[in-house]
N, C-alpha and C. Protein backbone atom coordinates (compact mmCIF):
# COMPACT_ATOMS: atom_id res chain seq x y z
N MET A 1 108.18 -130.16 61.05
CA MET A 1 109.26 -131.11 60.83
C MET A 1 110.39 -130.43 60.07
N LYS A 2 111.59 -130.69 60.49
CA LYS A 2 112.79 -130.10 59.87
C LYS A 2 113.03 -130.71 58.50
N GLN A 3 113.35 -129.84 57.52
CA GLN A 3 113.62 -130.32 56.18
C GLN A 3 115.01 -130.95 56.11
N ALA A 4 115.14 -132.03 55.34
CA ALA A 4 116.41 -132.73 55.20
C ALA A 4 117.43 -131.83 54.53
N LYS A 5 118.72 -132.04 54.89
CA LYS A 5 119.82 -131.29 54.26
C LYS A 5 119.94 -131.62 52.78
N GLY A 6 119.54 -132.82 52.43
CA GLY A 6 119.61 -133.27 51.05
C GLY A 6 119.06 -134.68 50.95
N ARG A 7 118.63 -135.03 49.76
CA ARG A 7 118.07 -136.35 49.51
C ARG A 7 119.11 -137.17 48.76
N ILE A 8 119.57 -138.27 49.37
CA ILE A 8 120.67 -139.07 48.85
C ILE A 8 120.17 -140.47 48.48
N LEU A 9 120.54 -140.93 47.29
CA LEU A 9 120.32 -142.32 46.89
C LEU A 9 121.66 -143.03 47.05
N CYS A 10 121.71 -144.01 47.93
CA CYS A 10 122.93 -144.80 48.15
C CYS A 10 122.76 -146.15 47.45
N VAL A 11 123.53 -146.35 46.38
CA VAL A 11 123.45 -147.60 45.62
C VAL A 11 124.72 -148.40 45.92
N ASP A 12 124.56 -149.45 46.71
CA ASP A 12 125.71 -150.26 47.12
C ASP A 12 125.24 -151.70 47.29
N ASN A 13 126.05 -152.66 46.84
CA ASN A 13 125.66 -154.06 46.93
C ASN A 13 125.81 -154.62 48.34
N ASP A 14 126.54 -153.93 49.20
CA ASP A 14 126.78 -154.43 50.55
C ASP A 14 125.77 -153.86 51.53
N GLN A 15 124.99 -154.73 52.17
CA GLN A 15 123.94 -154.28 53.08
C GLN A 15 124.51 -153.50 54.25
N ASP A 16 125.64 -153.93 54.81
CA ASP A 16 126.24 -153.21 55.93
C ASP A 16 126.61 -151.78 55.53
N THR A 17 127.15 -151.61 54.33
CA THR A 17 127.51 -150.28 53.86
C THR A 17 126.27 -149.42 53.69
N ARG A 18 125.22 -149.99 53.10
CA ARG A 18 123.96 -149.22 52.93
C ARG A 18 123.42 -148.79 54.29
N GLU A 19 123.42 -149.69 55.24
CA GLU A 19 122.91 -149.38 56.57
C GLU A 19 123.76 -148.34 57.27
N MET A 20 125.10 -148.46 57.14
CA MET A 20 126.00 -147.51 57.78
C MET A 20 125.82 -146.12 57.17
N ILE A 21 125.78 -146.03 55.85
CA ILE A 21 125.60 -144.74 55.18
C ILE A 21 124.25 -144.13 55.60
N SER A 22 123.21 -144.95 55.61
CA SER A 22 121.89 -144.45 56.00
C SER A 22 121.90 -143.92 57.43
N ALA A 23 122.55 -144.64 58.34
CA ALA A 23 122.59 -144.21 59.74
C ALA A 23 123.43 -142.95 59.92
N VAL A 24 124.63 -142.94 59.35
CA VAL A 24 125.54 -141.80 59.53
C VAL A 24 124.95 -140.54 58.90
N LEU A 25 124.49 -140.66 57.67
CA LEU A 25 123.93 -139.48 57.00
C LEU A 25 122.59 -139.08 57.61
N GLY A 26 121.81 -140.07 58.02
CA GLY A 26 120.53 -139.79 58.66
C GLY A 26 120.71 -138.98 59.93
N CYS A 27 121.72 -139.31 60.72
CA CYS A 27 122.00 -138.57 61.96
C CYS A 27 122.41 -137.14 61.69
N GLU A 28 122.92 -136.88 60.51
CA GLU A 28 123.34 -135.53 60.13
C GLU A 28 122.24 -134.75 59.42
N GLY A 29 121.07 -135.34 59.30
CA GLY A 29 119.93 -134.62 58.73
C GLY A 29 119.66 -134.85 57.27
N TYR A 30 120.34 -135.84 56.66
CA TYR A 30 120.07 -136.18 55.27
C TYR A 30 118.99 -137.24 55.20
N GLU A 31 118.21 -137.23 54.13
CA GLU A 31 117.27 -138.30 53.87
C GLU A 31 117.98 -139.28 52.93
N VAL A 32 118.10 -140.54 53.33
CA VAL A 32 118.83 -141.52 52.55
C VAL A 32 117.90 -142.64 52.13
N ILE A 33 117.90 -142.93 50.84
CA ILE A 33 117.18 -144.06 50.26
C ILE A 33 118.25 -145.01 49.75
N ALA A 34 118.06 -146.30 49.99
CA ALA A 34 119.08 -147.28 49.59
C ALA A 34 118.60 -148.16 48.46
N ALA A 35 119.54 -148.54 47.59
CA ALA A 35 119.29 -149.49 46.52
C ALA A 35 120.46 -150.46 46.50
N GLN A 36 120.19 -151.73 46.16
CA GLN A 36 121.23 -152.75 46.28
C GLN A 36 121.81 -153.23 44.96
N ASN A 37 121.25 -152.77 43.83
CA ASN A 37 121.76 -153.25 42.54
C ASN A 37 121.54 -152.19 41.46
N VAL A 38 122.09 -152.48 40.28
CA VAL A 38 122.00 -151.55 39.17
C VAL A 38 120.54 -151.30 38.76
N ALA A 39 119.76 -152.35 38.68
CA ALA A 39 118.36 -152.21 38.24
C ALA A 39 117.58 -151.32 39.20
N ASP A 40 117.71 -151.56 40.50
CA ASP A 40 116.99 -150.77 41.49
C ASP A 40 117.51 -149.33 41.52
N GLY A 41 118.83 -149.17 41.40
CA GLY A 41 119.42 -147.84 41.37
C GLY A 41 118.96 -147.03 40.18
N LEU A 42 118.86 -147.68 39.03
CA LEU A 42 118.39 -147.00 37.82
C LEU A 42 116.93 -146.60 37.97
N ARG A 43 116.11 -147.53 38.43
CA ARG A 43 114.69 -147.24 38.60
C ARG A 43 114.47 -146.05 39.53
N GLN A 44 115.12 -146.10 40.68
CA GLN A 44 114.93 -145.02 41.66
C GLN A 44 115.61 -143.73 41.20
N GLY A 45 116.78 -143.85 40.59
CA GLY A 45 117.50 -142.67 40.14
C GLY A 45 116.77 -141.90 39.05
N VAL A 46 116.00 -142.61 38.24
CA VAL A 46 115.27 -141.97 37.15
C VAL A 46 113.90 -141.47 37.60
N THR A 47 113.23 -142.21 38.48
CA THR A 47 111.86 -141.86 38.85
C THR A 47 111.73 -140.96 40.07
N ASP A 48 112.76 -140.97 40.96
CA ASP A 48 112.69 -140.16 42.17
C ASP A 48 113.62 -138.97 42.05
N ASN A 49 113.39 -137.98 42.87
CA ASN A 49 114.18 -136.75 42.85
C ASN A 49 115.22 -136.79 43.97
N PHE A 50 116.50 -136.93 43.58
CA PHE A 50 117.60 -136.96 44.54
C PHE A 50 118.54 -135.79 44.29
N ASP A 51 119.24 -135.38 45.34
CA ASP A 51 120.25 -134.34 45.22
C ASP A 51 121.60 -134.94 44.84
N VAL A 52 121.88 -136.13 45.37
CA VAL A 52 123.15 -136.81 45.10
C VAL A 52 122.88 -138.32 45.04
N ILE A 53 123.58 -138.99 44.12
CA ILE A 53 123.56 -140.44 44.07
C ILE A 53 124.95 -140.93 44.46
N LEU A 54 125.04 -141.65 45.58
CA LEU A 54 126.29 -142.28 46.02
C LEU A 54 126.32 -143.65 45.36
N LEU A 55 127.38 -143.95 44.64
CA LEU A 55 127.38 -145.13 43.78
C LEU A 55 128.62 -145.98 43.96
N ASP A 56 128.41 -147.26 44.27
CA ASP A 56 129.51 -148.22 44.39
C ASP A 56 129.89 -148.67 42.98
N TRP A 57 130.90 -149.52 42.88
CA TRP A 57 131.43 -149.95 41.58
C TRP A 57 130.89 -151.29 41.12
N VAL A 58 130.88 -152.29 42.02
CA VAL A 58 130.59 -153.68 41.61
C VAL A 58 129.21 -154.12 42.15
N PHE A 59 128.42 -154.68 41.23
CA PHE A 59 127.09 -155.20 41.58
C PHE A 59 126.91 -156.56 40.92
N ASN A 60 125.95 -157.32 41.41
CA ASN A 60 125.65 -158.63 40.81
C ASN A 60 125.10 -158.50 39.40
N ASP A 61 124.45 -157.36 39.11
CA ASP A 61 123.81 -157.19 37.80
C ASP A 61 124.49 -156.13 36.93
N GLY A 62 125.74 -155.81 37.21
CA GLY A 62 126.45 -154.83 36.40
C GLY A 62 127.45 -154.04 37.21
N THR A 63 127.80 -152.86 36.69
CA THR A 63 128.78 -152.01 37.38
C THR A 63 128.21 -150.62 37.60
N GLY A 64 128.85 -149.90 38.49
CA GLY A 64 128.49 -148.51 38.72
C GLY A 64 128.71 -147.66 37.49
N ILE A 65 129.73 -148.02 36.70
CA ILE A 65 129.99 -147.31 35.44
C ILE A 65 128.79 -147.45 34.51
N GLU A 66 128.30 -148.68 34.38
CA GLU A 66 127.12 -148.92 33.53
C GLU A 66 125.90 -148.16 34.05
N LEU A 67 125.72 -148.16 35.38
CA LEU A 67 124.59 -147.46 35.96
C LEU A 67 124.71 -145.96 35.72
N CYS A 68 125.88 -145.42 35.91
CA CYS A 68 126.08 -143.98 35.67
C CYS A 68 125.76 -143.63 34.22
N LYS A 69 126.25 -144.44 33.28
CA LYS A 69 125.96 -144.21 31.86
C LYS A 69 124.45 -144.25 31.60
N GLU A 70 123.77 -145.26 32.18
CA GLU A 70 122.32 -145.40 31.97
C GLU A 70 121.57 -144.22 32.55
N LEU A 71 121.99 -143.75 33.73
CA LEU A 71 121.35 -142.58 34.33
C LEU A 71 121.50 -141.36 33.43
N ARG A 72 122.70 -141.16 32.90
CA ARG A 72 122.93 -140.02 32.01
C ARG A 72 122.15 -140.16 30.71
N ASN A 73 122.11 -141.38 30.15
CA ASN A 73 121.34 -141.63 28.93
C ASN A 73 119.85 -141.39 29.13
N ALA A 74 119.37 -141.60 30.37
CA ALA A 74 117.97 -141.38 30.68
C ALA A 74 117.68 -139.90 30.94
N GLY A 75 118.71 -139.06 30.89
CA GLY A 75 118.52 -137.63 31.07
C GLY A 75 118.65 -137.14 32.51
N THR A 76 119.09 -138.00 33.40
CA THR A 76 119.23 -137.61 34.80
C THR A 76 120.46 -136.75 34.97
N SER A 77 120.29 -135.59 35.57
CA SER A 77 121.43 -134.69 35.80
C SER A 77 121.86 -134.66 37.26
N THR A 78 121.29 -135.53 38.08
CA THR A 78 121.63 -135.60 39.50
C THR A 78 123.13 -135.82 39.67
N THR A 79 123.72 -135.16 40.64
CA THR A 79 125.12 -135.34 40.95
C THR A 79 125.39 -136.80 41.30
N VAL A 80 126.38 -137.40 40.64
CA VAL A 80 126.79 -138.78 40.93
C VAL A 80 128.16 -138.73 41.59
N LEU A 81 128.23 -139.33 42.76
CA LEU A 81 129.45 -139.39 43.52
C LEU A 81 129.78 -140.86 43.77
N PHE A 82 130.83 -141.35 43.11
CA PHE A 82 131.24 -142.73 43.35
C PHE A 82 131.79 -142.84 44.76
N TYR A 83 131.43 -143.93 45.42
CA TYR A 83 131.87 -144.25 46.78
C TYR A 83 132.31 -145.70 46.73
N SER A 84 133.59 -145.91 46.43
CA SER A 84 134.06 -147.24 46.06
C SER A 84 135.44 -147.53 46.65
N GLY A 85 135.76 -148.81 46.73
CA GLY A 85 137.09 -149.25 47.13
C GLY A 85 138.09 -149.18 45.99
N ARG A 86 137.61 -148.95 44.78
CA ARG A 86 138.52 -148.86 43.63
C ARG A 86 139.36 -147.59 43.78
N SER A 87 140.66 -147.73 43.55
CA SER A 87 141.53 -146.56 43.74
C SER A 87 142.48 -146.31 42.59
N ASP A 88 142.39 -147.12 41.54
CA ASP A 88 143.24 -146.93 40.38
C ASP A 88 142.85 -145.64 39.65
N ALA A 89 143.83 -144.87 39.26
CA ALA A 89 143.57 -143.60 38.58
C ALA A 89 142.73 -143.79 37.32
N ARG A 90 142.94 -144.88 36.61
CA ARG A 90 142.16 -145.14 35.39
C ARG A 90 140.69 -145.37 35.73
N ASP A 91 140.42 -146.07 36.85
CA ASP A 91 139.03 -146.28 37.27
C ASP A 91 138.36 -144.95 37.60
N ILE A 92 139.07 -144.12 38.32
CA ILE A 92 138.51 -142.82 38.71
C ILE A 92 138.27 -141.97 37.45
N GLU A 93 139.22 -141.97 36.56
CA GLU A 93 139.08 -141.23 35.28
C GLU A 93 137.89 -141.76 34.48
N ASN A 94 137.72 -143.08 34.45
CA ASN A 94 136.61 -143.70 33.75
C ASN A 94 135.27 -143.26 34.36
N ALA A 95 135.20 -143.25 35.68
CA ALA A 95 133.97 -142.83 36.35
C ALA A 95 133.62 -141.38 35.99
N MET A 96 134.62 -140.54 35.98
CA MET A 96 134.39 -139.13 35.67
C MET A 96 133.98 -138.96 34.20
N SER A 97 134.55 -139.78 33.34
CA SER A 97 134.26 -139.65 31.91
C SER A 97 132.85 -140.08 31.54
N VAL A 98 132.20 -140.89 32.38
CA VAL A 98 130.82 -141.32 32.09
C VAL A 98 129.78 -140.45 32.78
N GLY A 99 130.24 -139.40 33.48
CA GLY A 99 129.28 -138.45 34.03
C GLY A 99 129.28 -138.26 35.53
N ALA A 100 130.19 -138.91 36.26
CA ALA A 100 130.27 -138.70 37.70
C ALA A 100 130.91 -137.34 37.97
N GLN A 101 130.53 -136.74 39.08
CA GLN A 101 131.11 -135.45 39.47
C GLN A 101 132.19 -135.61 40.53
N GLY A 102 132.24 -136.77 41.19
CA GLY A 102 133.22 -136.97 42.24
C GLY A 102 133.49 -138.43 42.49
N PHE A 103 134.54 -138.71 43.27
CA PHE A 103 134.94 -140.08 43.55
C PHE A 103 135.58 -140.12 44.92
N LEU A 104 134.97 -140.85 45.84
CA LEU A 104 135.53 -141.07 47.17
C LEU A 104 135.97 -142.52 47.25
N ILE A 105 137.18 -142.73 47.79
CA ILE A 105 137.72 -144.08 47.92
C ILE A 105 137.46 -144.58 49.34
N LYS A 106 136.76 -145.73 49.44
CA LYS A 106 136.49 -146.34 50.73
C LYS A 106 137.79 -146.85 51.35
N PRO A 107 137.92 -146.82 52.64
CA PRO A 107 137.01 -146.20 53.61
C PRO A 107 137.18 -144.69 53.63
N VAL A 108 136.11 -144.00 53.94
CA VAL A 108 136.10 -142.54 53.99
C VAL A 108 135.70 -142.10 55.39
N GLU A 109 136.44 -141.16 55.94
CA GLU A 109 136.06 -140.58 57.23
C GLU A 109 134.74 -139.84 57.06
N SER A 110 133.91 -139.90 58.08
CA SER A 110 132.60 -139.24 58.03
C SER A 110 132.74 -137.76 57.67
N ALA A 111 133.73 -137.10 58.26
CA ALA A 111 133.91 -135.66 58.01
C ALA A 111 134.17 -135.39 56.53
N GLN A 112 134.94 -136.25 55.88
CA GLN A 112 135.22 -136.07 54.46
C GLN A 112 133.96 -136.30 53.62
N LEU A 113 133.17 -137.30 54.00
CA LEU A 113 131.92 -137.57 53.30
C LEU A 113 130.97 -136.38 53.42
N PHE A 114 130.83 -135.85 54.65
CA PHE A 114 129.95 -134.69 54.86
C PHE A 114 130.43 -133.48 54.07
N ALA A 115 131.74 -133.23 54.11
CA ALA A 115 132.30 -132.07 53.40
C ALA A 115 132.06 -132.20 51.90
N THR A 116 132.25 -133.39 51.36
CA THR A 116 132.06 -133.60 49.93
C THR A 116 130.58 -133.42 49.55
N LEU A 117 129.71 -134.01 50.32
CA LEU A 117 128.26 -133.84 50.05
C LEU A 117 127.86 -132.38 50.16
N ASN A 118 128.32 -131.72 51.19
CA ASN A 118 127.97 -130.30 51.36
C ASN A 118 128.49 -129.45 50.22
N ARG A 119 129.68 -129.76 49.72
CA ARG A 119 130.22 -129.01 48.58
C ARG A 119 129.32 -129.16 47.36
N PHE A 120 128.89 -130.39 47.07
CA PHE A 120 128.03 -130.59 45.92
C PHE A 120 126.64 -130.01 46.13
N LEU A 121 126.11 -130.13 47.34
CA LEU A 121 124.79 -129.59 47.61
C LEU A 121 124.82 -128.06 47.59
N SER A 122 125.90 -127.46 48.08
CA SER A 122 126.02 -125.99 48.06
C SER A 122 126.12 -125.48 46.65
N SER A 123 126.91 -126.13 45.82
CA SER A 123 127.04 -125.68 44.42
C SER A 123 125.73 -125.86 43.66
N GLU A 124 124.98 -126.90 44.02
CA GLU A 124 123.68 -127.13 43.41
C GLU A 124 122.71 -126.02 43.79
N ASN A 125 122.74 -125.62 45.06
CA ASN A 125 121.83 -124.56 45.53
C ASN A 125 122.20 -123.21 44.93
N GLU A 126 123.49 -122.98 44.70
CA GLU A 126 123.92 -121.71 44.11
C GLU A 126 123.47 -121.58 42.67
N SER A 127 123.38 -122.72 41.96
CA SER A 127 122.97 -122.66 40.56
C SER A 127 121.47 -122.70 40.39
N ALA A 128 120.74 -122.91 41.48
CA ALA A 128 119.27 -122.97 41.41
C ALA A 128 118.65 -121.60 41.37
């Protein structure tokens, strides 16, 4: 069996987005696990081994900012890439200041998503 290009945790409150990300990335050889809220994202992000966490901004039980902070406080060093409709420079700056490594503004072309993931996965492999 072919090894996945990378293991991605997609934390998004929208089921259609989770399914689309899982399908698109799955077709490209990534293993995608989905979570729908902050609590589930934190549990999986801390207990499972992921290469990248794709993180939305707004959830019923908190925000992506809070989740990113909690992941970092728990000692998780996994790359966090926000994938959100938020586009204000202050929001992006805030996400980066709490430990995110990147920020993609929805909607994102598949090619840009793949390029961004590959950039983070390549830099991760170089430092390993």
